[in-house]
């Protein structure tokens, strides 16, 4: 089992670098970096604030699941734990991972069984993904992608109708009482992420084609969740390269947006390294 971890990490690194190199080979690097040099700092700062607000809401949602299994964490402790998980997810993808590290800490120091922690963590992930897919479906219908792929439109409507009822089936036992609160918190998380994406777009002077941009942003976020790359690097950029190509937009703009979002994520996630000490102490 241990031998598989280095191979998994090697696969992720290879896929990320391969996808990124492919994307860079298909665009004009001069145009890309020229676009990045035109960033408006005020909009970039607003994007950073909105992004971190979304993480605060996400930590509150996760804490609802923890409370459902009898784990008493303050919102401050839950937020610190969330940022620690972000750090491990982004910077240590080949090791225990952010979710695994959170489960390890809580199982060791808070005496909650690992099975319950795993169920709460997985359900938190799934509920967040459901909200992400719901908003992606909405923006897809208002974008030019719906005209390019008309056969997806009825499937999209079906997905919008069924996504939350299907997720509701996973809320069993003690998790049932937190369904609506976590559902609303998941929606608020994605709204703040979309606000952050809008500010990022405006920081790059991208004011047109916003339905298409937001559709690709959400779809690239889904792709980045899959455990196939290092923090979604390369995968996000490929989604924007392909998507912008379909509707005739400059690929450099989409790739610049994607890279900027990764840098924003990395900067925010790095805060987690400074928050480890207290939660590793059983008395924290």
Protein backbone atom coordinates (compact mmCIF):
# COMPACT_ATOMS: atom_id res chain seq x y z
CA UNK A 1 0.00 0.00 0.00
CA UNK A 2 2.82 2.37 0.94
CA UNK A 3 4.51 1.70 -2.41
CA UNK A 4 1.48 3.08 -4.20
CA UNK A 5 1.84 6.54 -2.63
CA UNK A 6 5.05 7.55 -4.48
CA UNK A 7 3.54 6.25 -7.73
CA UNK A 8 0.36 8.23 -7.09
CA UNK A 9 2.36 11.39 -6.41
CA UNK A 10 4.48 10.82 -9.52
CA UNK A 11 1.32 10.39 -11.59
CA UNK A 12 -0.16 13.63 -10.24
CA UNK A 13 3.05 15.59 -10.85
CA UNK A 14 3.38 14.18 -14.36
CA UNK A 15 -0.24 14.94 -15.22
CA UNK A 16 -0.07 18.48 -13.82
CA UNK A 17 3.19 19.32 -15.58
CA UNK A 18 2.12 17.63 -18.80
CA UNK A 19 -1.20 19.46 -18.91
CA UNK A 20 0.44 22.78 -18.05
CA UNK A 21 3.15 22.40 -20.68
CA UNK A 22 0.53 21.47 -23.27
CA UNK A 23 -1.51 24.56 -22.42
CA UNK A 24 1.55 26.83 -22.60
CA UNK A 25 2.48 25.34 -25.99
CA UNK A 26 -0.95 26.33 -27.35
CA UNK A 27 -0.91 29.97 -26.32
CA UNK A 28 1.29 33.04 -26.72
CA UNK A 29 3.34 33.39 -23.49
CA UNK A 30 3.93 37.06 -24.23
CA UNK A 31 0.19 37.70 -24.35
CA UNK A 32 -0.31 35.66 -21.18
CA UNK A 33 2.24 37.53 -19.07
CA UNK A 34 1.22 40.82 -20.61
CA UNK A 35 -2.30 40.12 -19.35
CA UNK A 36 -1.00 39.26 -15.89
CA UNK A 37 0.96 42.54 -15.76
CA UNK A 38 -2.28 44.50 -16.26
CA UNK A 39 -3.84 43.27 -13.02
CA UNK A 40 -5.86 45.85 -11.05
CA UNK A 41 -4.68 45.44 -7.41
CA UNK A 42 -7.94 46.67 -5.84
CA UNK A 43 -10.02 44.00 -7.61
CA UNK A 44 -7.40 41.37 -6.79
CA UNK A 45 -7.60 42.26 -3.10
CA UNK A 46 -11.40 42.09 -3.23
CA UNK A 47 -11.14 38.62 -4.84
CA UNK A 48 -8.82 37.49 -2.04
CA UNK A 49 -11.26 38.73 0.62
CA UNK A 50 -14.27 37.05 -1.04
CA UNK A 51 -12.33 33.80 -1.46
CA UNK A 52 -11.39 33.67 2.21
CA UNK A 53 -14.93 34.56 3.25
CA UNK A 54 -16.02 31.48 1.30
CA UNK A 55 -13.56 29.40 3.31
CA UNK A 56 -14.92 30.78 6.57
CA UNK A 57 -18.42 29.74 5.52
CA UNK A 58 -17.07 26.33 4.45
CA UNK A 59 -15.51 25.81 7.88
CA UNK A 60 -18.85 26.63 9.53
CA UNK A 61 -20.52 24.04 7.27
CA UNK A 62 -17.95 21.40 8.17
CA UNK A 63 -18.42 22.17 11.85
CA UNK A 64 -22.16 21.49 11.47
CA UNK A 65 -21.27 17.96 10.38
CA UNK A 66 -18.84 17.61 13.28
CA UNK A 67 -21.47 18.74 15.77
CA UNK A 68 -23.83 16.13 14.33
CA UNK A 69 -21.41 13.38 15.44
CA UNK A 70 -20.96 14.91 18.89
CA UNK A 71 -17.65 16.69 18.28
CA UNK A 72 -17.59 20.04 20.08
CA UNK A 73 -15.34 22.48 18.23
CA UNK A 74 -15.60 26.24 18.46
CA UNK A 75 -16.00 28.05 15.16
CA UNK A 76 -12.50 29.43 15.63
CA UNK A 77 -11.05 25.95 16.08
CA UNK A 78 -13.00 24.69 13.07
CA UNK A 79 -11.66 27.55 10.94
CA UNK A 80 -8.08 26.85 11.96
CA UNK A 81 -8.57 23.17 11.22
CA UNK A 82 -10.02 24.04 7.81
CA UNK A 83 -7.01 26.15 6.83
CA UNK A 84 -4.65 23.41 8.00
CA UNK A 85 -6.53 21.02 5.70
CA UNK A 86 -6.24 23.49 2.82
CA UNK A 87 -2.47 23.63 3.33
CA UNK A 88 -2.08 19.87 3.33
CA UNK A 89 -4.37 19.44 0.32
CA UNK A 90 -2.44 21.91 -1.78
CA UNK A 91 1.16 21.57 -0.67
CA UNK A 92 1.35 17.92 0.42
CA UNK A 93 -0.85 16.12 -2.12
CA UNK A 94 1.19 12.94 -2.08
CA UNK A 95 1.00 12.39 1.64
CA UNK A 96 -1.85 12.08 4.06
CA UNK A 97 -3.84 14.91 2.48
CA UNK A 98 -5.87 17.64 4.14
CA UNK A 99 -8.97 15.59 4.95
CA UNK A 100 -6.91 12.69 6.24
CA UNK A 101 -4.84 14.99 8.43
CA UNK A 102 -7.97 16.56 9.94
CA UNK A 103 -9.33 13.10 10.72
CA UNK A 104 -5.99 12.09 12.24
CA UNK A 105 -5.82 15.14 14.50
CA UNK A 106 -9.39 14.88 15.72
CA UNK A 107 -9.25 11.12 16.21
CA UNK A 108 -6.04 11.38 18.21
CA UNK A 109 -6.72 14.45 20.32
CA UNK A 110 -10.52 14.70 20.54
CA UNK A 111 -11.29 10.99 20.95
CA UNK A 112 -13.85 10.79 18.17
CA UNK A 113 -13.88 7.54 16.20
CA UNK A 114 -12.34 7.73 12.75
CA UNK A 115 -15.37 6.20 11.03
CA UNK A 116 -17.66 9.02 12.19
CA UNK A 117 -15.07 11.64 11.25
CA UNK A 118 -14.68 10.11 7.81
CA UNK A 119 -18.45 10.09 7.26
CA UNK A 120 -18.74 13.75 8.30
CA UNK A 121 -15.81 14.81 6.13
CA UNK A 122 -17.02 12.93 3.06
CA UNK A 123 -20.54 14.29 3.41
CA UNK A 124 -19.14 17.80 3.71
CA UNK A 125 -17.22 17.27 0.47
CA UNK A 126 -20.24 15.85 -1.32
CA UNK A 127 -22.57 18.64 -0.16
CA UNK A 128 -20.09 21.24 -1.39
CA UNK A 129 -19.78 19.49 -4.73
CA UNK A 130 -23.56 19.40 -5.09
CA UNK A 131 -23.80 23.19 -4.70
CA UNK A 132 -20.95 23.64 -7.16
CA UNK A 133 -22.65 21.47 -9.78
CA UNK A 134 -25.97 23.25 -9.24
CA UNK A 135 -24.51 26.68 -9.98
CA UNK A 136 -22.50 25.29 -12.90
CA UNK A 137 -25.76 23.99 -14.37
CA UNK A 138 -27.42 27.38 -14.00
CA UNK A 139 -24.63 29.30 -15.70
CA UNK A 140 -24.35 26.68 -18.43
CA UNK A 141 -27.95 27.36 -19.46
CA UNK A 142 -27.24 31.09 -19.81
CA UNK A 143 -24.01 30.62 -21.74
CA UNK A 144 -23.12 29.95 -25.35
CA UNK A 145 -22.12 26.43 -24.37
CA UNK A 146 -25.82 25.55 -24.22
CA UNK A 147 -26.08 26.47 -27.93
CA UNK A 148 -23.00 24.41 -28.76
CA UNK A 149 -24.23 21.37 -26.84
CA UNK A 150 -28.06 21.46 -27.06
CA UNK A 151 -28.32 17.77 -26.19
CA UNK A 152 -26.94 18.64 -22.71
CA UNK A 153 -29.71 21.13 -21.96
CA UNK A 154 -32.43 18.60 -20.95
CA UNK A 155 -29.85 16.67 -18.93
CA UNK A 156 -28.87 19.93 -17.26
CA UNK A 157 -32.45 20.66 -16.25
CA UNK A 158 -32.82 17.12 -14.94
CA UNK A 159 -29.65 17.50 -12.90
CA UNK A 160 -30.81 20.81 -11.43
CA UNK A 161 -34.04 19.19 -10.28
CA UNK A 162 -32.48 16.00 -8.89
CA UNK A 163 -29.11 17.03 -7.45
CA UNK A 164 -30.30 18.04 -3.98
CA UNK A 165 -32.96 15.31 -3.54
CA UNK A 166 -30.29 12.75 -4.42
CA UNK A 167 -27.81 14.28 -1.99
CA UNK A 168 -30.56 14.23 0.66
CA UNK A 169 -30.54 10.43 0.49
CA UNK A 170 -26.97 10.44 1.80
CA UNK A 171 -27.92 12.36 4.93
CA UNK A 172 -28.74 9.40 7.13
CA UNK A 173 -29.16 9.05 10.86
CA UNK A 174 -27.73 11.91 12.90
CA UNK A 175 -26.81 13.91 9.78
CA UNK A 176 -30.44 14.45 8.77
CA UNK A 177 -30.94 17.36 11.12
CA UNK A 178 -28.14 19.38 9.47
CA UNK A 179 -29.32 18.92 5.87
CA UNK A 180 -30.90 22.32 5.34
CA UNK A 181 -28.29 24.32 7.25
CA UNK A 182 -25.38 22.69 5.40
CA UNK A 183 -27.26 23.05 2.11
CA UNK A 184 -27.63 26.80 2.62
CA UNK A 185 -24.03 27.17 3.79
CA UNK A 186 -22.85 25.24 0.71
CA UNK A 187 -24.81 27.59 -1.54
CA UNK A 188 -23.38 30.64 0.22
CA UNK A 189 -19.88 29.22 -0.15
CA UNK A 190 -20.28 28.92 -3.92
CA UNK A 191 -21.83 32.38 -4.21
CA UNK A 192 -18.77 33.85 -2.47
CA UNK A 193 -16.50 31.82 -4.77
CA UNK A 194 -18.36 33.24 -7.77
CA UNK A 195 -17.98 36.77 -6.36
CA UNK A 196 -14.26 36.09 -6.00
CA UNK A 197 -14.14 34.88 -9.62
CA UNK A 198 -15.92 38.04 -10.78
CA UNK A 199 -13.39 40.25 -9.00
CA UNK A 200 -10.56 38.23 -10.54
CA UNK A 201 -12.09 38.68 -13.99
CA UNK A 202 -12.45 42.42 -13.45
CA UNK A 203 -8.86 42.62 -12.18
CA UNK A 204 -7.81 41.31 -15.61
CA UNK A 205 -10.19 43.61 -17.49
CA UNK A 206 -12.47 40.71 -18.48
CA UNK A 207 -15.92 42.28 -18.40
CA UNK A 208 -17.63 40.44 -21.25
CA UNK A 209 -18.60 36.78 -21.66
CA UNK A 210 -19.11 36.36 -17.91
CA UNK A 211 -21.64 33.46 -18.13
CA UNK A 212 -19.08 31.48 -20.14
CA UNK A 213 -16.25 32.42 -17.78
CA UNK A 214 -18.21 31.45 -14.66
CA UNK A 215 -19.38 28.19 -16.24
CA UNK A 216 -15.78 27.22 -16.97
CA UNK A 217 -14.67 28.40 -13.54
CA UNK A 218 -17.16 26.08 -11.85
CA UNK A 219 -16.46 23.16 -14.19
CA UNK A 220 -12.71 23.58 -13.68
CA UNK A 221 -13.32 23.55 -9.93
CA UNK A 222 -15.10 20.20 -10.31
CA UNK A 223 -12.16 18.88 -12.35
CA UNK A 224 -9.68 20.17 -9.78
CA UNK A 225 -11.47 18.27 -7.00
CA UNK A 226 -10.62 14.97 -8.68
CA UNK A 227 -7.45 13.44 -7.16
CA UNK A 228 -5.56 13.53 -10.43
CA UNK A 229 -3.29 16.55 -10.15
CA UNK A 230 -1.38 18.82 -7.79
CA UNK A 231 -3.92 21.32 -6.53
CA UNK A 232 -5.69 21.31 -9.89
CA UNK A 233 -2.62 22.78 -11.63
CA UNK A 234 -2.74 22.11 -15.34
CA UNK A 235 -6.28 20.73 -15.19
CA UNK A 236 -7.90 24.15 -14.62
CA UNK A 237 -5.79 25.72 -17.33
CA UNK A 238 -6.70 22.95 -19.79
CA UNK A 239 -10.42 23.46 -19.11
CA UNK A 240 -10.10 27.18 -19.87
CA UNK A 241 -7.94 26.57 -22.95
CA UNK A 242 -10.48 24.14 -24.39
CA UNK A 243 -13.56 26.10 -23.30
CA UNK A 244 -12.36 29.47 -24.57
CA UNK A 245 -11.35 27.81 -27.84
CA UNK A 246 -14.88 26.51 -28.34
CA UNK A 247 -16.41 29.98 -28.23
CA UNK A 248 -13.59 31.85 -29.95
CA UNK A 249 -12.22 33.78 -26.98
CA UNK A 250 -8.49 34.47 -26.42
CA UNK A 251 -7.14 31.46 -24.58
CA UNK A 252 -4.53 33.64 -22.88
CA UNK A 253 -7.26 35.42 -20.90
CA UNK A 254 -8.71 32.19 -19.59
CA UNK A 255 -5.32 30.75 -18.67
CA UNK A 256 -4.31 34.01 -16.94
CA UNK A 257 -7.53 33.89 -14.91
CA UNK A 258 -6.90 30.26 -13.96
CA UNK A 259 -3.30 30.89 -12.90
CA UNK A 260 -4.35 33.89 -10.87
CA UNK A 261 -6.98 31.85 -9.07
CA UNK A 262 -4.39 29.21 -8.22
CA UNK A 263 -2.03 31.85 -6.79
CA UNK A 264 -4.89 33.25 -4.72
CA UNK A 265 -5.69 29.74 -3.45
CA UNK A 266 -2.05 28.98 -2.69
CA UNK A 267 -1.56 32.23 -0.78
CA UNK A 268 -4.65 31.58 1.34
CA UNK A 269 -3.77 27.91 1.91
CA UNK A 270 -0.26 28.78 3.07
CA UNK A 271 -1.80 30.39 6.15
CA UNK A 272 -2.54 26.88 7.38
CA UNK A 273 1.11 26.21 8.22
CA UNK A 274 0.97 28.87 10.93
CA UNK A 275 -2.15 27.43 12.56
CA UNK A 276 -1.02 23.88 13.26
CA UNK A 277 0.35 24.22 16.79
CA UNK A 278 -2.83 24.87 18.76
CA UNK A 279 -4.87 22.09 17.22
CA UNK A 280 -2.10 19.54 17.62
CA UNK A 281 -2.27 20.23 21.35
CA UNK A 282 -5.01 18.22 23.03
CA UNK A 283 -5.86 21.17 25.25
CA UNK A 284 -6.35 23.57 22.31
